[in-house]
Amino acid sequence: MKRLMSMACVLLACLAGCKGGGEPHGVELERPVVSGVQLSTLAPVTITEYYETSGTIKPRTSSLVAARLMATVTAVLVKEGETVKAGQPLLTLDNRDVVQKVKGATAGVREAENAMESTRQNMALAEITYSRYKNMYDAKALSRQELDQVETQRKVASLEFDRVTQMVNRARAGLDEALVFQDFTTVVAPVAGVVSNKRIELGSMAVPGMPLFTVEDAGAFRLEVNVNETMAGKLHPGLAVPVEIPATDQRFVGQISDVVPTVDPGSRSFLVKIDIANPGLQSGLYVKAKIPMAERSAIVVAPRAVVAKGQLTGVYVADEKGVVRYRLVRTGRQYDQGLEVVSGLQGNETIITDGVSQAIDGGVLGKEQKP
């Protein structure tokens, strides 16, 4: 019994000693100091929702050049990829038969003009003769029948002059037509641009209506995209559309020029044409377009402020006392203003945006870092 009592006393003494060596109540733990970071106070911003689609750059003007005559190609003056001016010759055709037609028409005009000059002289003579006979008739020196004969000759001369005048007009029209056909023997570029396709070779037979070249306007391009039918009625010409060319890493803004309202029953989409103008564009490039839909308020952060830890994603938040905490967040899409935070943050909170590698969960901001 005495032994048990002595062991109990020893145990009580040990407990009393241990209690006296613990941490005093109310003393805060020492936190590591966080420095070398930059802070940002969050506030809701207005973001724009976009409908994303893609398409291919096409020239705003693409002209198919064809011949107006059936003739043999005597010279091809341009090659694919060459820049041409409006009216620049592209090829020439055999013009021997047309040249002869021009010569014949020219001779016909000259002959008709000579005939017109002859009838003009006859008409002038008939006028003089009638004037003389009229004076003699007034002086009772001629009969009425003789005056009627001279007057009839004057009218016939006038009619003959009118007939020959029309003949001259027909001859001149024939010459003009022959000259037009002579012009057709040289095929020219209808617009300034780039020869994107050549379908004829030297010595080939050009046929009216058969495409020989394709000339694309190199100064004006357009993007044609298909948009889902749910966007019908929401788009209009003049709407600004951000576009991106992945191949060249170009980003700029286009403008809707035309909305084709007819919905394709196969794809359930309709065509939208977007005019674009930027140096270095060329037809055939793949382009991404973001068509503005609606605006809303959201919390966004700089992508560099988001820290991934395994499968977790979060940001470092500093409270009013400067204590840093790693808070889990759920992010959404990337916008021009930043990365949207769907949940985990509210407005007017302060987060670390730069130097996140220096942040420590549970640390405290230095005096120079506190917001």
Protein backbone atom coordinates (compact mmCIF):
# COMPACT_ATOMS: atom_id res chain seq x y z
CA MET A 1 0.00 0.00 0.00
CA LYS A 2 2.82 2.41 0.86
CA ARG A 3 4.46 1.61 -2.44
CA LEU A 4 1.35 2.50 -4.39
CA MET A 5 0.96 5.79 -2.57
CA SER A 6 4.57 6.80 -3.27
CA MET A 7 4.14 6.10 -7.03
CA ALA A 8 1.03 8.26 -7.12
CA CYS A 9 2.89 11.16 -5.56
CA VAL A 10 5.65 10.90 -8.13
CA LEU A 11 3.10 10.91 -10.95
CA LEU A 12 1.36 14.04 -9.62
CA ALA A 13 4.71 15.80 -9.32
CA CYS A 14 5.57 15.00 -12.94
CA LEU A 15 2.21 16.28 -14.18
CA ALA A 16 2.65 19.51 -12.31
CA GLY A 17 6.10 20.01 -13.80
CA CYS A 18 4.92 19.35 -17.35
CA LYS A 19 2.06 21.84 -17.12
CA GLY A 20 4.34 24.58 -16.01
CA GLY A 21 6.58 24.17 -19.15
CA GLY A 22 3.76 24.67 -21.88
CA GLU A 23 3.17 27.70 -24.17
CA PRO A 24 1.45 30.61 -22.45
CA HIS A 25 -2.19 31.14 -23.45
CA GLY A 26 -2.83 33.97 -25.97
CA VAL A 27 0.66 34.05 -27.59
CA GLU A 28 0.48 34.06 -31.49
CA LEU A 29 2.66 31.79 -33.62
CA GLU A 30 5.46 33.53 -35.55
CA ARG A 31 4.60 33.60 -39.30
CA PRO A 32 7.11 33.71 -42.18
CA VAL A 33 7.37 37.10 -43.90
CA VAL A 34 6.37 37.29 -47.57
CA SER A 35 8.20 39.89 -49.67
CA GLY A 36 9.07 40.53 -53.33
CA VAL A 37 5.46 40.24 -54.51
CA GLN A 38 3.00 42.58 -56.20
CA LEU A 39 -0.60 42.92 -55.13
CA SER A 40 -3.79 43.76 -56.95
CA THR A 41 -7.24 44.53 -55.60
CA LEU A 42 -9.99 42.81 -57.54
CA ALA A 43 -13.04 44.54 -58.93
CA PRO A 44 -15.76 43.23 -61.29
CA VAL A 45 -15.13 44.10 -64.95
CA THR A 46 -17.32 43.95 -68.02
CA ILE A 47 -16.41 41.15 -70.42
CA THR A 48 -17.76 40.33 -73.85
CA GLU A 49 -19.00 36.86 -74.75
CA TYR A 50 -17.92 35.72 -78.20
CA TYR A 51 -19.15 33.17 -80.71
CA GLU A 52 -16.01 31.53 -82.06
CA THR A 53 -15.84 30.22 -85.60
CA SER A 54 -13.31 29.90 -88.40
CA GLY A 55 -13.00 30.30 -92.14
CA THR A 56 -10.68 30.96 -95.07
CA ILE A 57 -9.46 34.27 -96.47
CA LYS A 58 -10.79 35.02 -99.93
CA PRO A 59 -10.22 38.04 -102.17
CA ARG A 60 -13.05 40.53 -102.10
CA THR A 61 -12.87 40.65 -105.91
CA SER A 62 -11.91 37.60 -107.97
CA SER A 63 -12.26 37.99 -111.74
CA LEU A 64 -12.35 35.17 -114.26
CA VAL A 65 -10.79 36.44 -117.48
CA ALA A 66 -11.99 34.91 -120.75
CA ALA A 67 -11.52 35.60 -124.45
CA ARG A 68 -14.19 37.19 -126.65
CA LEU A 69 -12.89 35.58 -129.85
CA MET A 70 -12.00 32.11 -131.01
CA ALA A 71 -8.37 32.35 -132.04
CA THR A 72 -4.92 30.88 -131.45
CA VAL A 73 -2.86 32.25 -128.57
CA THR A 74 0.20 33.98 -130.00
CA ALA A 75 1.76 35.21 -126.72
CA VAL A 76 1.24 34.73 -122.98
CA LEU A 77 2.52 37.87 -121.26
CA VAL A 78 2.11 37.03 -117.54
CA LYS A 79 2.64 34.12 -115.20
CA GLU A 80 0.95 32.93 -112.00
CA GLY A 81 1.68 35.05 -108.95
CA GLU A 82 2.50 38.14 -110.99
CA THR A 83 0.98 41.48 -109.98
CA VAL A 84 -0.86 43.26 -112.78
CA LYS A 85 -2.55 46.61 -113.26
CA ALA A 86 -6.04 47.20 -114.59
CA GLY A 87 -5.91 47.15 -118.39
CA GLN A 88 -2.51 45.43 -118.54
CA PRO A 89 -2.25 42.92 -121.43
CA LEU A 90 -2.31 39.28 -120.32
CA LEU A 91 -2.11 37.51 -123.71
CA THR A 92 -2.53 38.15 -127.43
CA LEU A 93 -4.50 36.20 -130.03
CA ASP A 94 -3.99 35.69 -133.76
CA ASN A 95 -5.46 38.87 -135.29
CA ARG A 96 -4.80 38.45 -139.03
CA ASP A 97 -8.45 38.02 -140.01
CA VAL A 98 -9.54 40.90 -137.78
CA VAL A 99 -6.90 43.19 -139.30
CA GLN A 100 -8.30 42.50 -142.76
CA LYS A 101 -11.81 43.28 -141.53
CA VAL A 102 -10.56 46.59 -140.18
CA LYS A 103 -8.97 47.42 -143.54
CA GLY A 104 -12.18 46.54 -145.39
CA ALA A 105 -14.28 48.60 -143.01
CA THR A 106 -11.90 51.54 -143.35
CA ALA A 107 -12.19 51.40 -147.15
CA GLY A 108 -15.97 51.22 -146.87
CA VAL A 109 -16.02 54.35 -144.73
CA ARG A 110 -13.84 56.21 -147.22
CA GLU A 111 -16.07 55.17 -150.13
CA ALA A 112 -19.23 56.19 -148.27
CA GLU A 113 -17.77 59.56 -147.32
CA ASN A 114 -16.85 60.24 -150.98
CA ALA A 115 -20.39 59.37 -152.02
CA MET A 116 -21.75 61.71 -149.37
CA GLU A 117 -19.57 64.54 -150.66
CA SER A 118 -20.84 63.90 -154.20
CA THR A 119 -24.48 64.00 -153.13
CA ARG A 120 -23.79 67.15 -151.12
CA GLN A 121 -22.56 68.83 -154.30
CA ASN A 122 -25.61 67.63 -156.23
CA MET A 123 -27.91 68.91 -153.51
CA ALA A 124 -26.20 72.29 -153.51
CA LEU A 125 -26.57 72.48 -157.33
CA ALA A 126 -30.25 71.53 -157.08
CA GLU A 127 -30.81 74.34 -154.57
CA ILE A 128 -29.17 76.90 -156.85
CA THR A 129 -31.10 75.68 -159.89
CA TYR A 130 -34.40 75.82 -158.01
CA SER A 131 -33.67 79.36 -156.81
CA ARG A 132 -33.02 80.53 -160.39
CA TYR A 133 -36.08 78.82 -161.80
CA LYS A 134 -38.21 80.26 -159.01
CA ASN A 135 -37.14 83.77 -159.94
CA MET A 136 -37.93 83.09 -163.59
CA TYR A 137 -41.33 81.66 -162.63
CA ASP A 138 -42.07 84.74 -160.54
CA ALA A 139 -41.20 86.85 -163.59
CA LYS A 140 -43.72 84.86 -165.68
CA ALA A 141 -40.88 83.46 -167.79
CA LEU A 142 -41.54 79.77 -166.91
CA SER A 143 -44.53 77.57 -166.64
CA ARG A 144 -45.59 75.90 -163.41
CA GLN A 145 -44.73 72.46 -164.78
CA GLU A 146 -41.11 73.46 -165.42
CA LEU A 147 -40.81 74.81 -161.87
CA ASP A 148 -42.33 71.61 -160.45
CA GLN A 149 -39.73 69.53 -162.29
CA VAL A 150 -36.85 71.54 -160.80
CA GLU A 151 -38.41 71.44 -157.33
CA THR A 152 -38.75 67.66 -157.55
CA GLN A 153 -35.08 67.37 -158.55
CA ARG A 154 -34.18 69.43 -155.46
CA LYS A 155 -36.18 67.10 -153.17
CA VAL A 156 -34.62 63.99 -154.76
CA ALA A 157 -31.13 65.42 -154.25
CA SER A 158 -31.92 66.08 -150.58
CA LEU A 159 -33.28 62.56 -150.08
CA GLU A 160 -30.21 61.10 -151.78
CA PHE A 161 -27.97 63.08 -149.48
CA ASP A 162 -29.86 61.74 -146.42
CA ARG A 163 -29.58 58.18 -147.77
CA VAL A 164 -25.84 58.46 -148.32
CA THR A 165 -25.43 60.06 -144.89
CA GLN A 166 -27.02 56.99 -143.28
CA MET A 167 -24.77 54.80 -145.41
CA VAL A 168 -21.75 56.67 -144.00
CA ASN A 169 -23.03 56.13 -140.46
CA ARG A 170 -23.40 52.39 -141.13
CA ALA A 171 -19.88 52.24 -142.58
CA ARG A 172 -18.44 54.05 -139.58
CA ALA A 173 -20.31 51.73 -137.20
CA GLY A 174 -18.89 48.75 -139.07
CA LEU A 175 -15.40 50.17 -138.69
CA ASP A 176 -15.94 50.75 -134.97
CA GLU A 177 -17.13 47.16 -134.61
CA ALA A 178 -14.07 45.87 -136.46
CA LEU A 179 -11.82 47.95 -134.18
CA VAL A 180 -13.58 46.53 -131.12
CA PHE A 181 -12.95 43.01 -132.34
CA GLN A 182 -9.35 43.99 -132.99
CA ASP A 183 -9.12 45.05 -129.34
CA PHE A 184 -10.48 41.63 -128.37
CA THR A 185 -7.33 40.04 -129.77
CA THR A 186 -5.48 41.42 -126.72
CA VAL A 187 -6.86 40.06 -123.43
CA VAL A 188 -6.29 42.55 -120.59
CA ALA A 189 -6.69 42.46 -116.80
CA PRO A 190 -10.11 43.81 -115.77
CA VAL A 191 -8.86 44.88 -112.31
CA ALA A 192 -5.56 45.41 -110.56
CA GLY A 193 -4.43 42.38 -108.58
CA VAL A 194 -2.50 39.12 -108.67
CA VAL A 195 -2.75 36.41 -111.31
CA SER A 196 -3.72 33.44 -109.15
CA ASN A 197 -4.46 30.96 -111.92
CA LYS A 198 -3.38 30.56 -115.57
CA ARG A 199 -5.24 28.02 -117.71
CA ILE A 200 -3.88 28.65 -121.21
CA GLU A 201 -0.58 28.10 -122.97
CA LEU A 202 1.09 29.45 -126.08
CA GLY A 203 -0.41 27.95 -129.25
CA SER A 204 -3.64 26.84 -127.58
CA MET A 205 -7.03 27.74 -129.01
CA ALA A 206 -8.92 30.31 -126.97
CA VAL A 207 -12.68 29.85 -126.99
CA PRO A 208 -15.17 32.60 -126.08
CA GLY A 209 -16.30 32.24 -122.48
CA MET A 210 -13.56 29.78 -121.52
CA PRO A 211 -11.66 31.09 -118.42
CA LEU A 212 -8.04 31.86 -119.21
CA PHE A 213 -6.87 33.59 -116.02
CA THR A 214 -8.05 34.35 -112.51
CA VAL A 215 -7.09 37.80 -111.23
CA GLU A 216 -7.57 38.43 -107.51
CA ASP A 217 -7.67 41.84 -105.89
CA ALA A 218 -4.60 41.80 -103.61
CA GLY A 219 -5.61 44.92 -101.74
CA ALA A 220 -8.97 43.84 -100.33
CA PHE A 221 -9.81 40.53 -98.68
CA ARG A 222 -12.79 39.03 -96.96
CA LEU A 223 -13.36 36.18 -94.52
CA GLU A 224 -16.36 33.93 -95.07
CA VAL A 225 -17.50 32.00 -92.00
CA ASN A 226 -20.46 29.79 -91.16
CA VAL A 227 -22.42 30.81 -88.07
CA ASN A 228 -24.89 28.63 -86.16
CA GLU A 229 -28.55 29.32 -86.81
CA THR A 230 -29.01 30.37 -83.16
CA MET A 231 -27.23 33.62 -84.09
CA ALA A 232 -29.76 34.45 -86.81
CA GLY A 233 -31.06 37.99 -86.48
CA LYS A 234 -28.32 39.00 -84.02
CA LEU A 235 -25.66 40.06 -86.53
CA HIS A 236 -25.62 43.10 -88.78
CA PRO A 237 -23.22 44.76 -91.25
CA GLY A 238 -20.71 47.06 -89.61
CA LEU A 239 -20.20 44.90 -86.49
CA ALA A 240 -16.51 44.73 -85.48
CA VAL A 241 -15.12 41.19 -85.26
CA PRO A 242 -11.68 40.30 -83.79
CA VAL A 243 -9.84 37.82 -86.02
CA GLU A 244 -6.64 35.80 -85.66
CA ILE A 245 -4.42 34.12 -88.26
CA PRO A 246 -2.58 31.25 -86.51
CA ALA A 247 -0.10 30.73 -89.36
CA THR A 248 1.27 34.27 -89.17
CA ASP A 249 0.29 35.06 -85.56
CA GLN A 250 -1.57 38.16 -86.72
CA ARG A 251 -4.44 39.64 -84.71
CA PHE A 252 -6.61 42.49 -85.89
CA VAL A 253 -10.23 43.57 -86.21
CA GLY A 254 -12.47 42.98 -89.23
CA GLN A 255 -15.95 44.23 -89.98
CA ILE A 256 -19.06 42.35 -91.06
CA SER A 257 -19.95 43.45 -94.58
CA ASP A 258 -22.75 41.04 -95.45
CA VAL A 259 -25.02 38.57 -93.66
CA VAL A 260 -26.64 35.92 -95.85
CA PRO A 261 -29.83 35.03 -93.94
CA THR A 262 -30.49 31.73 -95.70
CA VAL A 263 -29.77 28.79 -93.34
CA ASP A 264 -28.12 25.70 -94.80
CA PRO A 265 -30.35 22.75 -93.80
CA GLY A 266 -27.36 20.41 -93.75
CA SER A 267 -25.08 22.33 -91.37
CA ARG A 268 -27.81 24.42 -89.69
CA SER A 269 -25.70 27.53 -90.27
CA PHE A 270 -25.69 30.68 -92.39
CA LEU A 271 -22.94 32.59 -94.14
CA VAL A 272 -21.35 35.77 -92.77
CA LYS A 273 -18.82 37.81 -94.76
CA ILE A 274 -16.21 39.83 -92.85
CA ASP A 275 -14.07 42.44 -94.61
CA ILE A 276 -10.46 42.43 -93.43
CA ALA A 277 -7.49 44.59 -94.36
CA ASN A 278 -4.00 44.08 -92.98
CA PRO A 279 -0.48 43.96 -94.48
CA GLY A 280 0.73 40.53 -95.49
CA LEU A 281 -2.68 38.95 -96.12
CA GLN A 282 -3.14 36.39 -98.86
CA SER A 283 -6.00 34.23 -99.98
CA GLY A 284 -6.34 30.71 -98.62
CA LEU A 285 -5.11 31.39 -95.06
CA TYR A 286 -7.01 29.82 -92.17
CA VAL A 287 -8.54 32.41 -89.83
CA LYS A 288 -10.27 32.27 -86.46
CA ALA A 289 -13.00 34.81 -85.76
CA LYS A 290 -14.70 35.83 -82.51
CA ILE A 291 -18.11 37.38 -83.13
CA PRO A 292 -19.34 39.52 -80.18
CA MET A 293 -22.55 38.22 -78.60
CA ALA A 294 -23.29 39.88 -75.20
CA GLU A 295 -21.62 41.66 -72.27
CA ARG A 296 -21.65 40.69 -68.57
CA SER A 297 -19.85 41.40 -65.30
CA ALA A 298 -17.18 38.98 -64.06
CA ILE A 299 -14.08 38.64 -61.85
CA VAL A 300 -10.90 38.22 -63.88
CA VAL A 301 -7.28 37.81 -62.82
CA ALA A 302 -3.99 37.78 -64.64
CA PRO A 303 -3.14 34.21 -65.72
CA ARG A 304 0.23 34.48 -63.94
CA ALA A 305 -1.60 34.93 -60.61
CA VAL A 306 -3.12 31.43 -60.81
CA VAL A 307 -1.01 28.71 -59.15
CA ALA A 308 -1.59 25.03 -59.83
CA LYS A 309 -0.73 22.51 -57.10
CA GLY A 310 -1.26 19.05 -58.48
CA GLN A 311 -4.90 18.84 -59.46
CA LEU A 312 -5.75 21.98 -57.50
CA THR A 313 -5.88 25.54 -58.84
CA GLY A 314 -5.82 28.58 -56.64
CA VAL A 315 -4.54 32.09 -55.97
CA TYR A 316 -2.83 33.68 -52.99
CA VAL A 317 -5.19 36.04 -51.17
CA ALA A 318 -4.03 38.62 -48.62
CA ASP A 319 -6.52 39.66 -45.89
CA GLU A 320 -6.70 43.03 -44.14
CA LYS A 321 -4.01 41.93 -41.66
CA GLY A 322 -1.64 40.96 -44.47
CA VAL A 323 -1.95 37.22 -43.87
CA VAL A 324 -1.51 35.25 -47.09
CA ARG A 325 -3.74 32.26 -47.76
CA TYR A 326 -3.82 29.90 -50.73
CA ARG A 327 -7.45 29.80 -51.85
CA LEU A 328 -8.86 27.28 -54.28
CA VAL A 329 -10.64 28.75 -57.29
CA ARG A 330 -12.37 27.50 -60.42
CA THR A 331 -11.36 29.30 -63.60
CA GLY A 332 -13.27 29.80 -66.83
CA ARG A 333 -12.32 31.18 -70.22
CA GLN A 334 -9.55 33.56 -71.16
CA TYR A 335 -10.72 37.06 -72.15
CA ASP A 336 -8.92 40.21 -73.23
CA GLN A 337 -9.15 41.53 -69.66
CA GLY A 338 -7.75 38.34 -68.11
CA LEU A 339 -8.69 34.84 -66.94
CA GLU A 340 -12.21 34.57 -65.55
CA VAL A 341 -12.59 33.17 -62.02
CA VAL A 342 -15.94 31.40 -61.87
CA SER A 343 -15.89 30.70 -58.13
CA GLY A 344 -13.63 31.22 -55.11
CA LEU A 345 -13.14 34.99 -55.30
CA GLN A 346 -15.24 38.06 -54.78
CA GLY A 347 -14.74 41.72 -55.57
CA ASN A 348 -12.57 44.00 -53.41
CA GLU A 349 -10.21 41.17 -52.39
CA THR A 350 -6.45 41.55 -52.68
CA ILE A 351 -4.42 38.84 -54.42
CA ILE A 352 -0.79 38.36 -55.34
CA THR A 353 -0.35 38.89 -59.08
CA ASP A 354 3.45 38.87 -59.46
CA GLY A 355 6.13 37.01 -57.54
CA VAL A 356 3.79 34.16 -56.65
CA SER A 357 6.80 31.92 -56.23
CA GLN A 358 7.67 33.97 -53.12
CA ALA A 359 4.22 33.53 -51.59
CA ILE A 360 3.81 31.21 -48.59
CA ASP A 361 0.46 29.87 -47.43
CA GLY A 362 0.03 31.19 -43.89
CA GLY A 363 2.78 33.80 -44.29
CA VAL A 364 2.39 37.48 -43.60
CA LEU A 365 3.20 40.38 -45.88
CA GLY A 366 6.09 42.62 -44.99
CA LYS A 367 5.27 46.13 -43.92
CA GLU A 368 6.27 47.50 -47.34
CA GLN A 369 4.00 44.92 -49.07
CA LYS A 370 0.80 45.37 -47.08
CA PRO A 371 -2.10 46.81 -49.06
